[in-house]
Amino acid sequence: MEYMEHSNFYAMCDKIRKMEARELHLALEAHGGEFVWINDENDEEELYDPPIILVNLNDGPMDVVIHKVWLNDGCIELSAFDNEWGNQVDIEPGGYCSWTPCISYRVHAYHRQGKICGNK
């Protein structure tokens, strides 16, 4: 008799999410612990085209513009603003969030293009 196999997709996805979070952490470490798309300390100067990501907050889903991502005591922190109104949005990442792959991809893409660490 043949039995149905069970694939634990949750475990597979969890493994991928952890790998993505680790890669983002390593990319940030490699670039001095932070990456800035929009410099809020210099009249919101746009250094790079910022990622816009979907987050699900208490008021529901919204698009936010990421200005900066950095490491704070080993944890990933974000500076994010509502894409529609420009208000600062408080996002508290708990371990892994759905935005990790998007941010990680953007940091790696700039690295591959030679646009990080003073290379223009």
PDB file of N, CA and C in Angstrom:
ATOM      1  N   MET A   1       0.840  -1.173   0.000  1.00  0.00           N
ATOM      2  CA  MET A   1       0.000   0.000   0.000  1.00  0.00           C
ATOM      3  C   MET A   1       0.891   1.243   0.000  1.00  0.00           C
ATOM      4  N   GLU A   2       0.533   2.181  -0.842  1.00  0.00           N
ATOM      5  CA  GLU A   2       1.292   3.427  -0.942  1.00  0.00           C
ATOM      6  C   GLU A   2       0.659   4.478  -0.042  1.00  0.00           C
ATOM      7  N   TYR A   3       1.515   5.181   0.711  1.00  0.00           N
ATOM      8  CA  TYR A   3       1.032   6.212   1.616  1.00  0.00           C
ATOM      9  C   TYR A   3       1.377   7.599   1.087  1.00  0.00           C
ATOM     10  N   MET A   4       0.543   8.529   1.452  1.00  0.00           N
ATOM     11  CA  MET A   4       0.778   9.916   1.073  1.00  0.00           C
ATOM     12  C   MET A   4       1.942  10.474   1.899  1.00  0.00           C
ATOM     13  N   GLU A   5       2.856  11.179   1.226  1.00  0.00           N
ATOM     14  CA  GLU A   5       3.947  11.826   1.940  1.00  0.00           C
ATOM     15  C   GLU A   5       3.485  13.192   2.429  1.00  0.00           C
ATOM     16  N   HIS A   6       4.039  13.582   3.541  1.00  0.00           N
ATOM     17  CA  HIS A   6       3.736  14.914   4.074  1.00  0.00           C
ATOM     18  C   HIS A   6       4.997  15.763   4.006  1.00  0.00           C
ATOM     19  N   SER A   7       4.915  16.850   3.259  1.00  0.00           N
ATOM     20  CA  SER A   7       6.023  17.799   3.197  1.00  0.00           C
ATOM     21  C   SER A   7       5.747  18.907   4.193  1.00  0.00           C
ATOM     22  N   ASN A   8       6.704  19.144   5.052  1.00  0.00           N
ATOM     23  CA  ASN A   8       6.534  20.189   6.058  1.00  0.00           C
ATOM     24  C   ASN A   8       7.007  21.517   5.467  1.00  0.00           C
ATOM     25  N   PHE A   9       6.107  22.156   4.722  1.00  0.00           N
ATOM     26  CA  PHE A   9       6.459  23.402   4.055  1.00  0.00           C
ATOM     27  C   PHE A   9       6.714  24.522   5.054  1.00  0.00           C
ATOM     28  N   TYR A  10       6.054  24.490   6.189  1.00  0.00           N
ATOM     29  CA  TYR A  10       6.297  25.513   7.213  1.00  0.00           C
ATOM     30  C   TYR A  10       7.763  25.472   7.657  1.00  0.00           C
ATOM     31  N   ALA A  11       8.276  24.284   7.893  1.00  0.00           N
ATOM     32  CA  ALA A  11       9.670  24.150   8.322  1.00  0.00           C
ATOM     33  C   ALA A  11      10.625  24.610   7.221  1.00  0.00           C
ATOM     34  N   MET A  12      10.310  24.283   5.966  1.00  0.00           N
ATOM     35  CA  MET A  12      11.152  24.709   4.854  1.00  0.00           C
ATOM     36  C   MET A  12      11.156  26.233   4.727  1.00  0.00           C
ATOM     37  N   CYS A  13       9.973  26.843   4.807  1.00  0.00           N
ATOM     38  CA  CYS A  13       9.870  28.308   4.710  1.00  0.00           C
ATOM     39  C   CYS A  13      10.553  28.981   5.896  1.00  0.00           C
ATOM     40  N   ASP A  14      10.409  28.396   7.065  1.00  0.00           N
ATOM     41  CA  ASP A  14      11.060  28.959   8.244  1.00  0.00           C
ATOM     42  C   ASP A  14      12.583  28.935   8.082  1.00  0.00           C
ATOM     43  N   LYS A  15      13.101  27.862   7.519  1.00  0.00           N
ATOM     44  CA  LYS A  15      14.536  27.764   7.281  1.00  0.00           C
ATOM     45  C   LYS A  15      14.998  28.843   6.297  1.00  0.00           C
ATOM     46  N   ILE A  16      14.228  29.057   5.234  1.00  0.00           N
ATOM     47  CA  ILE A  16      14.559  30.084   4.250  1.00  0.00           C
ATOM     48  C   ILE A  16      14.493  31.469   4.881  1.00  0.00           C
ATOM     49  N   ARG A  17      13.463  31.739   5.684  1.00  0.00           N
ATOM     50  CA  ARG A  17      13.333  33.045   6.347  1.00  0.00           C
ATOM     51  C   ARG A  17      14.532  33.325   7.249  1.00  0.00           C
ATOM     52  N   LYS A  18      14.967  32.321   7.974  1.00  0.00           N
ATOM     53  CA  LYS A  18      16.123  32.498   8.855  1.00  0.00           C
ATOM     54  C   LYS A  18      17.397  32.745   8.050  1.00  0.00           C
ATOM     55  N   MET A  19      17.540  32.060   6.906  1.00  0.00           N
ATOM     56  CA  MET A  19      18.695  32.278   6.042  1.00  0.00           C
ATOM     57  C   MET A  19      18.693  33.707   5.506  1.00  0.00           C
ATOM     58  N   GLU A  20      17.517  34.198   5.091  1.00  0.00           N
ATOM     59  CA  GLU A  20      17.412  35.556   4.556  1.00  0.00           C
ATOM     60  C   GLU A  20      17.753  36.588   5.623  1.00  0.00           C
ATOM     61  N   ALA A  21      17.250  36.381   6.835  1.00  0.00           N
ATOM     62  CA  ALA A  21      17.535  37.313   7.925  1.00  0.00           C
ATOM     63  C   ALA A  21      19.033  37.312   8.244  1.00  0.00           C
ATOM     64  N   ARG A  22      19.640  36.140   8.225  1.00  0.00           N
ATOM     65  CA  ARG A  22      21.081  36.030   8.492  1.00  0.00           C
ATOM     66  C   ARG A  22      21.879  36.745   7.398  1.00  0.00           C
ATOM     67  N   GLU A  23      21.481  36.575   6.152  1.00  0.00           N
ATOM     68  CA  GLU A  23      22.175  37.231   5.048  1.00  0.00           C
ATOM     69  C   GLU A  23      22.069  38.743   5.147  1.00  0.00           C
ATOM     70  N   LEU A  24      20.898  39.261   5.520  1.00  0.00           N
ATOM     71  CA  LEU A  24      20.739  40.699   5.700  1.00  0.00           C
ATOM     72  C   LEU A  24      21.637  41.191   6.835  1.00  0.00           C
ATOM     73  N   HIS A  25      21.658  40.444   7.917  1.00  0.00           N
ATOM     74  CA  HIS A  25      22.509  40.802   9.058  1.00  0.00           C
ATOM     75  C   HIS A  25      23.973  40.868   8.627  1.00  0.00           C
ATOM     76  N   LEU A  26      24.431  39.866   7.879  1.00  0.00           N
ATOM     77  CA  LEU A  26      25.815  39.839   7.409  1.00  0.00           C
ATOM     78  C   LEU A  26      26.103  40.975   6.426  1.00  0.00           C
ATOM     79  N   ALA A  27      25.141  41.278   5.551  1.00  0.00           N
ATOM     80  CA  ALA A  27      25.324  42.376   4.601  1.00  0.00           C
ATOM     81  C   ALA A  27      25.456  43.704   5.344  1.00  0.00           C
ATOM     82  N   LEU A  28      24.648  43.898   6.383  1.00  0.00           N
ATOM     83  CA  LEU A  28      24.742  45.129   7.158  1.00  0.00           C
ATOM     84  C   LEU A  28      26.068  45.208   7.900  1.00  0.00           C
ATOM     85  N   GLU A  29      26.506  44.093   8.465  1.00  0.00           N
ATOM     86  CA  GLU A  29      27.810  44.071   9.131  1.00  0.00           C
ATOM     87  C   GLU A  29      28.925  44.442   8.152  1.00  0.00           C
ATOM     88  N   ALA A  30      28.828  43.930   6.931  1.00  0.00           N
ATOM     89  CA  ALA A  30      29.860  44.185   5.930  1.00  0.00           C
ATOM     90  C   ALA A  30      29.916  45.646   5.503  1.00  0.00           C
ATOM     91  N   HIS A  31      28.852  46.373   5.760  1.00  0.00           N
ATOM     92  CA  HIS A  31      28.784  47.769   5.341  1.00  0.00           C
ATOM     93  C   HIS A  31      28.696  48.708   6.523  1.00  0.00           C
ATOM     94  N   GLY A  32      29.397  48.338   7.583  1.00  0.00           N
ATOM     95  CA  GLY A  32      29.499  49.227   8.733  1.00  0.00           C
ATOM     96  C   GLY A  32      28.299  49.211   9.656  1.00  0.00           C
ATOM     97  N   GLY A  33      27.415  48.254   9.508  1.00  0.00           N
ATOM     98  CA  GLY A  33      26.277  48.125  10.415  1.00  0.00           C
ATOM     99  C   GLY A  33      25.037  48.886  10.006  1.00  0.00           C
ATOM    100  N   GLU A  34      25.062  49.560   8.852  1.00  0.00           N
ATOM    101  CA  GLU A  34      23.863  50.277   8.403  1.00  0.00           C
ATOM    102  C   GLU A  34      23.883  50.471   6.897  1.00  0.00           C
ATOM    103  N   PHE A  35      22.697  50.744   6.346  1.00  0.00           N
ATOM    104  CA  PHE A  35      22.576  51.136   4.956  1.00  0.00           C
ATOM    105  C   PHE A  35      21.511  52.220   4.887  1.00  0.00           C
ATOM    106  N   VAL A  36      21.845  53.339   4.232  1.00  0.00           N
ATOM    107  CA  VAL A  36      20.951  54.496   4.169  1.00  0.00           C
ATOM    108  C   VAL A  36      20.524  54.740   2.725  1.00  0.00           C
ATOM    109  N   TRP A  37      19.209  54.789   2.502  1.00  0.00           N
ATOM    110  CA  TRP A  37      18.676  55.154   1.198  1.00  0.00           C
ATOM    111  C   TRP A  37      18.351  56.646   1.164  1.00  0.00           C
ATOM    112  N   ILE A  38      17.731  57.139   2.229  1.00  0.00           N
ATOM    113  CA  ILE A  38      17.386  58.558   2.340  1.00  0.00           C
ATOM    114  C   ILE A  38      17.988  59.068   3.638  1.00  0.00           C
ATOM    115  N   ASN A  39      18.829  60.087   3.533  1.00  0.00           N
ATOM    116  CA  ASN A  39      19.528  60.629   4.692  1.00  0.00           C
ATOM    117  C   ASN A  39      18.661  61.678   5.380  1.00  0.00           C
ATOM    118  N   ASP A  40      18.021  61.293   6.479  1.00  0.00           N
ATOM    119  CA  ASP A  40      17.144  62.203   7.222  1.00  0.00           C
ATOM    120  C   ASP A  40      17.928  63.304   7.924  1.00  0.00           C
ATOM    121  N   GLU A  41      19.211  63.083   8.141  1.00  0.00           N
ATOM    122  CA  GLU A  41      20.033  64.076   8.825  1.00  0.00           C
ATOM    123  C   GLU A  41      20.533  65.151   7.864  1.00  0.00           C
ATOM    124  N   ASN A  42      20.325  64.971   6.565  1.00  0.00           N
ATOM    125  CA  ASN A  42      20.768  65.939   5.570  1.00  0.00           C
ATOM    126  C   ASN A  42      19.599  66.316   4.666  1.00  0.00           C
ATOM    127  N   ASP A  43      18.565  66.904   5.262  1.00  0.00           N
ATOM    128  CA  ASP A  43      17.407  67.414   4.525  1.00  0.00           C
ATOM    129  C   ASP A  43      16.785  66.353   3.608  1.00  0.00           C
ATOM    130  N   GLU A  44      16.704  65.123   4.112  1.00  0.00           N
ATOM    131  CA  GLU A  44      16.116  63.997   3.389  1.00  0.00           C
ATOM    132  C   GLU A  44      16.730  63.807   1.995  1.00  0.00           C
ATOM    133  N   GLU A  45      18.041  63.910   1.931  1.00  0.00           N
ATOM    134  CA  GLU A  45      18.764  63.683   0.683  1.00  0.00           C
ATOM    135  C   GLU A  45      18.611  62.219   0.276  1.00  0.00           C
ATOM    136  N   GLU A  46      18.172  61.993  -0.950  1.00  0.00           N
ATOM    137  CA  GLU A  46      18.005  60.628  -1.449  1.00  0.00           C
ATOM    138  C   GLU A  46      19.322  60.142  -2.034  1.00  0.00           C
ATOM    139  N   LEU A  47      19.919  59.161  -1.373  1.00  0.00           N
ATOM    140  CA  LEU A  47      21.195  58.605  -1.814  1.00  0.00           C
ATOM    141  C   LEU A  47      20.991  57.499  -2.846  1.00  0.00           C
ATOM    142  N   TYR A  48      19.971  56.693  -2.625  1.00  0.00           N
ATOM    143  CA  TYR A  48      19.623  55.589  -3.510  1.00  0.00           C
ATOM    144  C   TYR A  48      18.110  55.520  -3.598  1.00  0.00           C
ATOM    145  N   ASP A  49      17.606  54.856  -4.619  1.00  0.00           N
ATOM    146  CA  ASP A  49      16.175  54.648  -4.770  1.00  0.00           C
ATOM    147  C   ASP A  49      15.697  53.750  -3.633  1.00  0.00           C
ATOM    148  N   PRO A  50      14.863  54.267  -2.710  1.00  0.00           N
ATOM    149  CA  PRO A  50      14.513  53.478  -1.525  1.00  0.00           C
ATOM    150  C   PRO A  50      13.492  52.382  -1.818  1.00  0.00           C
ATOM    151  N   PRO A  51      13.586  51.297  -1.072  1.00  0.00           N
ATOM    152  CA  PRO A  51      12.569  50.240  -1.220  1.00  0.00           C
ATOM    153  C   PRO A  51      11.256  50.672  -0.580  1.00  0.00           C
ATOM    154  N   ILE A  52      10.170  50.296  -1.201  1.00  0.00           N
ATOM    155  CA  ILE A  52       8.830  50.498  -0.639  1.00  0.00           C
ATOM    156  C   ILE A  52       8.291  49.102  -0.360  1.00  0.00           C
ATOM    157  N   ILE A  53       7.924  48.876   0.888  1.00  0.00           N
ATOM    158  CA  ILE A  53       7.486  47.537   1.281  1.00  0.00           C
ATOM    159  C   ILE A  53       6.103  47.599   1.908  1.00  0.00           C
ATOM    160  N   LEU A  54       5.412  46.502   1.869  1.00  0.00           N
ATOM    161  CA  LEU A  54       4.100  46.375   2.488  1.00  0.00           C
ATOM    162  C   LEU A  54       4.278  45.839   3.898  1.00  0.00           C
ATOM    163  N   VAL A  55       3.703  46.549   4.876  1.00  0.00           N
ATOM    164  CA  VAL A  55       3.705  46.058   6.249  1.00  0.00           C
ATOM    165  C   VAL A  55       2.272  46.000   6.736  1.00  0.00           C
ATOM    166  N   ASN A  56       2.011  45.120   7.664  1.00  0.00           N
ATOM    167  CA  ASN A  56       0.672  44.981   8.220  1.00  0.00           C
ATOM    168  C   ASN A  56       0.712  45.431   9.677  1.00  0.00           C
ATOM    169  N   LEU A  57       0.200  46.627   9.935  1.00  0.00           N
ATOM    170  CA  LEU A  57       0.195  47.189  11.278  1.00  0.00           C
ATOM    171  C   LEU A  57      -1.207  47.092  11.864  1.00  0.00           C
ATOM    172  N   ASN A  58      -1.400  47.648  13.040  1.00  0.00           N
ATOM    173  CA  ASN A  58      -2.708  47.585  13.701  1.00  0.00           C
ATOM    174  C   ASN A  58      -3.827  48.179  12.861  1.00  0.00           C
ATOM    175  N   ASP A  59      -3.508  49.226  12.098  1.00  0.00           N
ATOM    176  CA  ASP A  59      -4.519  49.875  11.257  1.00  0.00           C
ATOM    177  C   ASP A  59      -4.704  49.163   9.926  1.00  0.00           C
ATOM    178  N   GLY A  60      -4.008  48.074   9.728  1.00  0.00           N
ATOM    179  CA  GLY A  60      -4.107  47.335   8.483  1.00  0.00           C
ATOM    180  C   GLY A  60      -2.852  47.488   7.650  1.00  0.00           C
ATOM    181  N   PRO A  61      -2.866  46.946   6.443  1.00  0.00           N
ATOM    182  CA  PRO A  61      -1.679  46.993   5.596  1.00  0.00           C
ATOM    183  C   PRO A  61      -1.421  48.397   5.048  1.00  0.00           C
ATOM    184  N   MET A  62      -0.137  48.724   4.896  1.00  0.00           N
ATOM    185  CA  MET A  62       0.244  50.000   4.285  1.00  0.00           C
ATOM    186  C   MET A  62       1.612  49.868   3.644  1.00  0.00           C
ATOM    187  N   ASP A  63       1.839  50.709   2.645  1.00  0.00           N
ATOM    188  CA  ASP A  63       3.145  50.777   2.005  1.00  0.00           C
ATOM    189  C   ASP A  63       3.998  51.771   2.769  1.00  0.00           C
ATOM    190  N   VAL A  64       5.233  51.381   3.054  1.00  0.00           N
ATOM    191  CA  VAL A  64       6.157  52.287   3.732  1.00  0.00           C
ATOM    192  C   VAL A  64       7.451  52.386   2.934  1.00  0.00           C
ATOM    193  N   VAL A  65       8.060  53.557   3.016  1.00  0.00           N
ATOM    194  CA  VAL A  65       9.336  53.819   2.365  1.00  0.00           C
ATOM    195  C   VAL A  65      10.427  53.619   3.406  1.00  0.00           C
ATOM    196  N   ILE A  66      11.403  52.801   3.084  1.00  0.00           N
ATOM    197  CA  ILE A  66      12.510  52.547   4.002  1.00  0.00           C
ATOM    198  C   ILE A  66      13.592  53.591   3.757  1.00  0.00           C
ATOM    199  N   HIS A  67      13.912  54.348   4.793  1.00  0.00           N
ATOM    200  CA  HIS A  67      14.973  55.343   4.698  1.00  0.00           C
ATOM    201  C   HIS A  67      16.321  54.759   5.104  1.00  0.00           C
ATOM    202  N   LYS A  68      16.297  53.891   6.121  1.00  0.00           N
ATOM    203  CA  LYS A  68      17.555  53.377   6.661  1.00  0.00           C
ATOM    204  C   LYS A  68      17.291  52.040   7.343  1.00  0.00           C
ATOM    205  N   VAL A  69      18.275  51.160   7.295  1.00  0.00           N
ATOM    206  CA  VAL A  69      18.245  49.903   8.039  1.00  0.00           C
ATOM    207  C   VAL A  69      19.602  49.774   8.718  1.00  0.00           C
ATOM    208  N   TRP A  70      19.602  49.349   9.989  1.00  0.00           N
ATOM    209  CA  TRP A  70      20.859  49.252  10.726  1.00  0.00           C
ATOM    210  C   TRP A  70      20.762  48.178  11.794  1.00  0.00           C
ATOM    211  N   LEU A  71      21.925  47.849  12.352  1.00  0.00           N
ATOM    212  CA  LEU A  71      22.004  46.879  13.441  1.00  0.00           C
ATOM    213  C   LEU A  71      22.095  47.627  14.767  1.00  0.00           C
ATOM    214  N   ASN A  72      21.293  47.211  15.712  1.00  0.00           N
ATOM    215  CA  ASN A  72      21.294  47.778  17.057  1.00  0.00           C
ATOM    216  C   ASN A  72      21.401  46.621  18.040  1.00  0.00           C
ATOM    217  N   ASP A  73      22.577  46.448  18.632  1.00  0.00           N
ATOM    218  CA  ASP A  73      22.835  45.322  19.536  1.00  0.00           C
ATOM    219  C   ASP A  73      22.494  43.985  18.882  1.00  0.00           C
ATOM    220  N   GLY A  74      22.839  43.865  17.601  1.00  0.00           N
ATOM    221  CA  GLY A  74      22.617  42.615  16.880  1.00  0.00           C
ATOM    222  C   GLY A  74      21.233  42.455  16.289  1.00  0.00           C
ATOM    223  N   CYS A  75      20.322  43.386  16.560  1.00  0.00           N
ATOM    224  CA  CYS A  75      18.957  43.322  16.022  1.00  0.00           C
ATOM    225  C   CYS A  75      18.816  44.289  14.851  1.00  0.00           C
ATOM    226  N   ILE A  76      18.029  43.907  13.856  1.00  0.00           N
ATOM    227  CA  ILE A  76      17.803  44.755  12.690  1.00  0.00           C
ATOM    228  C   ILE A  76      16.742  45.798  13.028  1.00  0.00           C
ATOM    229  N   GLU A  77      17.065  47.068  12.771  1.00  0.00           N
ATOM    230  CA  GLU A  77      16.151  48.189  13.005  1.00  0.00           C
ATOM    231  C   GLU A  77      15.884  48.889  11.677  1.00  0.00           C
ATOM    232  N   LEU A  78      14.727  49.542  11.584  1.00  0.00           N
ATOM    233  CA  LEU A  78      14.344  50.254  10.365  1.00  0.00           C
ATOM    234  C   LEU A  78      13.913  51.677  10.672  1.00  0.00           C
ATOM    235  N   SER A  79      14.200  52.582   9.759  1.00  0.00           N
ATOM    236  CA  SER A  79      13.595  53.905   9.752  1.00  0.00           C
ATOM    237  C   SER A  79      12.667  53.904   8.555  1.00  0.00           C
ATOM    238  N   ALA A  80      11.351  53.967   8.819  1.00  0.00           N
ATOM    239  CA  ALA A  80      10.364  53.819   7.756  1.00  0.00           C
ATOM    240  C   ALA A  80       9.294  54.901   7.867  1.00  0.00           C
ATOM    241  N   PHE A  81       8.766  55.302   6.708  1.00  0.00           N
ATOM    242  CA  PHE A  81       7.758  56.350   6.661  1.00  0.00           C
ATOM    243  C   PHE A  81       6.610  55.921   5.761  1.00  0.00           C
ATOM    244  N   ASP A  82       5.395  56.278   6.163  1.00  0.00           N
ATOM    245  CA  ASP A  82       4.188  55.989   5.396  1.00  0.00           C
ATOM    246  C   ASP A  82       4.349  56.575   3.996  1.00  0.00           C
ATOM    247  N   ASN A  83       4.173  55.754   2.976  1.00  0.00           N
ATOM    248  CA  ASN A  83       4.369  56.198   1.601  1.00  0.00           C
ATOM    249  C   ASN A  83       3.341  57.236   1.175  1.00  0.00           C
ATOM    250  N   GLU A  84       2.153  57.206   1.778  1.00  0.00           N
ATOM    251  CA  GLU A  84       1.091  58.125   1.358  1.00  0.00           C
ATOM    252  C   GLU A  84       1.184  59.477   2.061  1.00  0.00           C
ATOM    253  N   TRP A  85       1.396  59.467   3.386  1.00  0.00           N
ATOM    254  CA  TRP A  85       1.344  60.708   4.160  1.00  0.00           C
ATOM    255  C   TRP A  85       2.706  61.177   4.663  1.00  0.00           C
ATOM    256  N   GLY A  86       3.702  60.318   4.639  1.00  0.00           N
ATOM    257  CA  GLY A  86       5.035  60.713   5.067  1.00  0.00           C
ATOM    258  C   GLY A  86       5.269  60.664   6.562  1.00  0.00           C
ATOM    259  N   ASN A  87       4.328  60.103   7.327  1.00  0.00           N
ATOM    260  CA  ASN A  87       4.509  59.986   8.772  1.00  0.00           C
ATOM    261  C   ASN A  87       5.450  58.834   9.095  1.00  0.00           C
ATOM    262  N   GLN A  88       6.268  59.023  10.121  1.00  0.00           N
ATOM    263  CA  GLN A  88       7.162  57.951  10.537  1.00  0.00           C
ATOM    264  C   GLN A  88       6.340  56.783  11.069  1.00  0.00           C
ATOM    265  N   VAL A  89       6.744  55.581  10.709  1.00  0.00           N
ATOM    266  CA  VAL A  89       6.046  54.357  11.085  1.00  0.00           C
ATOM    267  C   VAL A  89       6.970  53.531  11.964  1.00  0.00           C
ATOM    268  N   ASP A  90       6.456  53.073  13.083  1.00  0.00           N
ATOM    269  CA  ASP A  90       7.239  52.243  13.992  1.00  0.00           C
ATOM    270  C   ASP A  90       7.017  50.781  13.646  1.00  0.00           C
ATOM    271  N   ILE A  91       8.068  50.147  13.148  1.00  0.00           N
ATOM    272  CA  ILE A  91       8.008  48.725  12.798  1.00  0.00           C
ATOM    273  C   ILE A  91       8.947  47.995  13.734  1.00  0.00           C
ATOM    274  N   GLU A  92       8.413  47.045  14.460  1.00  0.00           N
ATOM    275  CA  GLU A  92       9.230  46.264  15.384  1.00  0.00           C
ATOM    276  C   GLU A  92       9.392  44.861  14.840  1.00  0.00           C
ATOM    277  N   PRO A  93      10.527  44.621  14.211  1.00  0.00           N
ATOM    278  CA  PRO A  93      10.745  43.285  13.667  1.00  0.00           C
ATOM    279  C   PRO A  93      11.029  42.278  14.769  1.00  0.00           C
ATOM    280  N   GLY A  94      10.287  41.228  14.778  1.00  0.00           N
ATOM    281  CA  GLY A  94      10.523  40.150  15.735  1.00  0.00           C
ATOM    282  C   GLY A  94      11.186  38.992  15.030  1.00  0.00           C
ATOM    283  N   GLY A  95      12.501  38.959  15.057  1.00  0.00           N
ATOM    284  CA  GLY A  95      13.219  37.883  14.386  1.00  0.00           C
ATOM    285  C   GLY A  95      13.216  38.080  12.892  1.00  0.00           C
ATOM    286  N   TYR A  96      12.222  37.556  12.220  1.00  0.00           N
ATOM    287  CA  TYR A  96      12.125  37.667  10.769  1.00  0.00           C
ATOM    288  C   TYR A  96      10.810  38.326  10.430  1.00  0.00           C
ATOM    289  N   CYS A  97      10.821  39.200   9.479  1.00  0.00           N
ATOM    290  CA  CYS A  97       9.592  39.817   8.973  1.00  0.00           C
ATOM    291  C   CYS A  97       9.530  39.633   7.468  1.00  0.00           C
ATOM    292  N   SER A  98       8.354  39.843   6.910  1.00  0.00           N
ATOM    293  CA  SER A  98       8.171  39.631   5.475  1.00  0.00           C
ATOM    294  C   SER A  98       8.992  40.596   4.636  1.00  0.00           C
ATOM    295  N   TRP A  99       9.465  41.704   5.221  1.00  0.00           N
ATOM    296  CA  TRP A  99      10.248  42.664   4.450  1.00  0.00           C
ATOM    297  C   TRP A  99      11.720  42.276   4.352  1.00  0.00           C
ATOM    298  N   THR A 100      12.165  41.327   5.115  1.00  0.00           N
ATOM    299  CA  THR A 100      13.592  40.980   5.130  1.00  0.00           C
ATOM    300  C   THR A 100      14.141  40.648   3.744  1.00  0.00           C
ATOM    301  N   PRO A 101      13.469  39.807   2.939  1.00  0.00           N
ATOM    302  CA  PRO A 101      14.037  39.496   1.619  1.00  0.00           C
ATOM    303  C   PRO A 101      14.165  40.734   0.731  1.00  0.00           C
ATOM    304  N   CYS A 102      13.189  41.622   0.772  1.00  0.00           N
ATOM    305  CA  CYS A 102      13.227  42.826  -0.057  1.00  0.00           C
ATOM    306  C   CYS A 102      14.407  43.708   0.315  1.00  0.00           C
ATOM    307  N   ILE A 103      14.589  43.957   1.600  1.00  0.00           N
ATOM    308  CA  ILE A 103      15.679  44.807   2.063  1.00  0.00           C
ATOM    309  C   ILE A 103      17.020  44.133   1.755  1.00  0.00           C
ATOM    310  N   SER A 104      17.115  42.860   2.048  1.00  0.00           N
ATOM    311  CA  SER A 104      18.351  42.119   1.807  1.00  0.00           C
ATOM    312  C   SER A 104      18.717  42.153   0.332  1.00  0.00           C
ATOM    313  N   TYR A 105      17.737  41.946  -0.528  1.00  0.00           N
ATOM    314  CA  TYR A 105      17.981  41.969  -1.969  1.00  0.00           C
ATOM    315  C   TYR A 105      18.528  43.321  -2.403  1.00  0.00           C
ATOM    316  N   ARG A 106      17.930  44.411  -1.884  1.00  0.00           N
ATOM    317  CA  ARG A 106      18.367  45.751  -2.281  1.00  0.00           C
ATOM    318  C   ARG A 106      19.799  46.027  -1.823  1.00  0.00           C
ATOM    319  N   VAL A 107      20.139  45.651  -0.595  1.00  0.00           N
ATOM    320  CA  VAL A 107      21.504  45.872  -0.101  1.00  0.00           C
ATOM    321  C   VAL A 107      22.492  45.084  -0.951  1.00  0.00           C
ATOM    322  N   HIS A 108      22.174  43.818  -1.233  1.00  0.00           N
ATOM    323  CA  HIS A 108      23.059  42.991  -2.060  1.00  0.00           C
ATOM    324  C   HIS A 108      23.166  43.544  -3.481  1.00  0.00           C
ATOM    325  N   ALA A 109      22.072  44.057  -4.036  1.00  0.00           N
ATOM    326  CA  ALA A 109      22.093  44.591  -5.392  1.00  0.00           C
ATOM    327  C   ALA A 109      23.020  45.793  -5.485  1.00  0.00           C
ATOM    328  N   TYR A 110      22.960  46.685  -4.505  1.00  0.00           N
ATOM    329  CA  TYR A 110      23.861  47.836  -4.525  1.00  0.00           C
ATOM    330  C   TYR A 110      25.314  47.382  -4.373  1.00  0.00           C
ATOM    331  N   HIS A 111      25.526  46.353  -3.574  1.00  0.00           N
ATOM    332  CA  HIS A 111      26.886  45.824  -3.402  1.00  0.00           C
ATOM    333  C   HIS A 111      27.412  45.291  -4.733  1.00  0.00           C
ATOM    334  N   ARG A 112      26.587  44.526  -5.442  1.00  0.00           N
ATOM    335  CA  ARG A 112      27.013  43.949  -6.726  1.00  0.00           C
ATOM    336  C   ARG A 112      27.304  45.034  -7.752  1.00  0.00           C
ATOM    337  N   GLN A 113      26.614  46.178  -7.643  1.00  0.00           N
ATOM    338  CA  GLN A 113      26.825  47.271  -8.591  1.00  0.00           C
ATOM    339  C   GLN A 113      28.000  48.159  -8.185  1.00  0.00           C
ATOM    340  N   GLY A 114      28.643  47.845  -7.060  1.00  0.00           N
ATOM    341  CA  GLY A 114      29.795  48.621  -6.617  1.00  0.00           C
ATOM    342  C   GLY A 114      29.418  49.981  -6.050  1.00  0.00           C
ATOM    343  N   LYS A 115      28.201  50.108  -5.517  1.00  0.00           N
ATOM    344  CA  LYS A 115      27.719  51.396  -5.029  1.00  0.00           C
ATOM    345  C   LYS A 115      27.783  51.507  -3.507  1.00  0.00           C
ATOM    346  N   ILE A 116      28.481  50.597  -2.846  1.00  0.00           N
ATOM    347  CA  ILE A 116      28.549  50.634  -1.394  1.00  0.00           C
ATOM    348  C   ILE A 116      30.002  50.797  -0.978  1.00  0.00           C
ATOM    349  N   CYS A 117      30.198  51.287   0.205  1.00  0.00           N
ATOM    350  CA  CYS A 117      31.528  51.457   0.789  1.00  0.00           C
ATOM    351  C   CYS A 117      32.378  52.449  -0.006  1.00  0.00           C
ATOM    352  N   GLY A 118      31.754  53.547  -0.424  1.00  0.00           N
ATOM    353  CA  GLY A 118      32.483  54.622  -1.058  1.00  0.00           C
ATOM    354  C   GLY A 118      32.681  54.449  -2.557  1.00  0.00           C
ATOM    355  N   ASN A 119      32.307  53.318  -3.117  1.00  0.00           N
ATOM    356  CA  ASN A 119      32.431  53.117  -4.569  1.00  0.00           C
ATOM    357  C   ASN A 119      31.220  53.695  -5.254  1.00  0.00           C
ATOM    358  N   LYS A 120      31.423  54.503  -6.241  1.00  0.00           N
ATOM    359  CA  LYS A 120      30.309  55.099  -6.991  1.00  0.00           C
ATOM    360  C   LYS A 120      30.274  54.553  -8.406  1.00  0.00           C
TER     361      LYS A 120
END
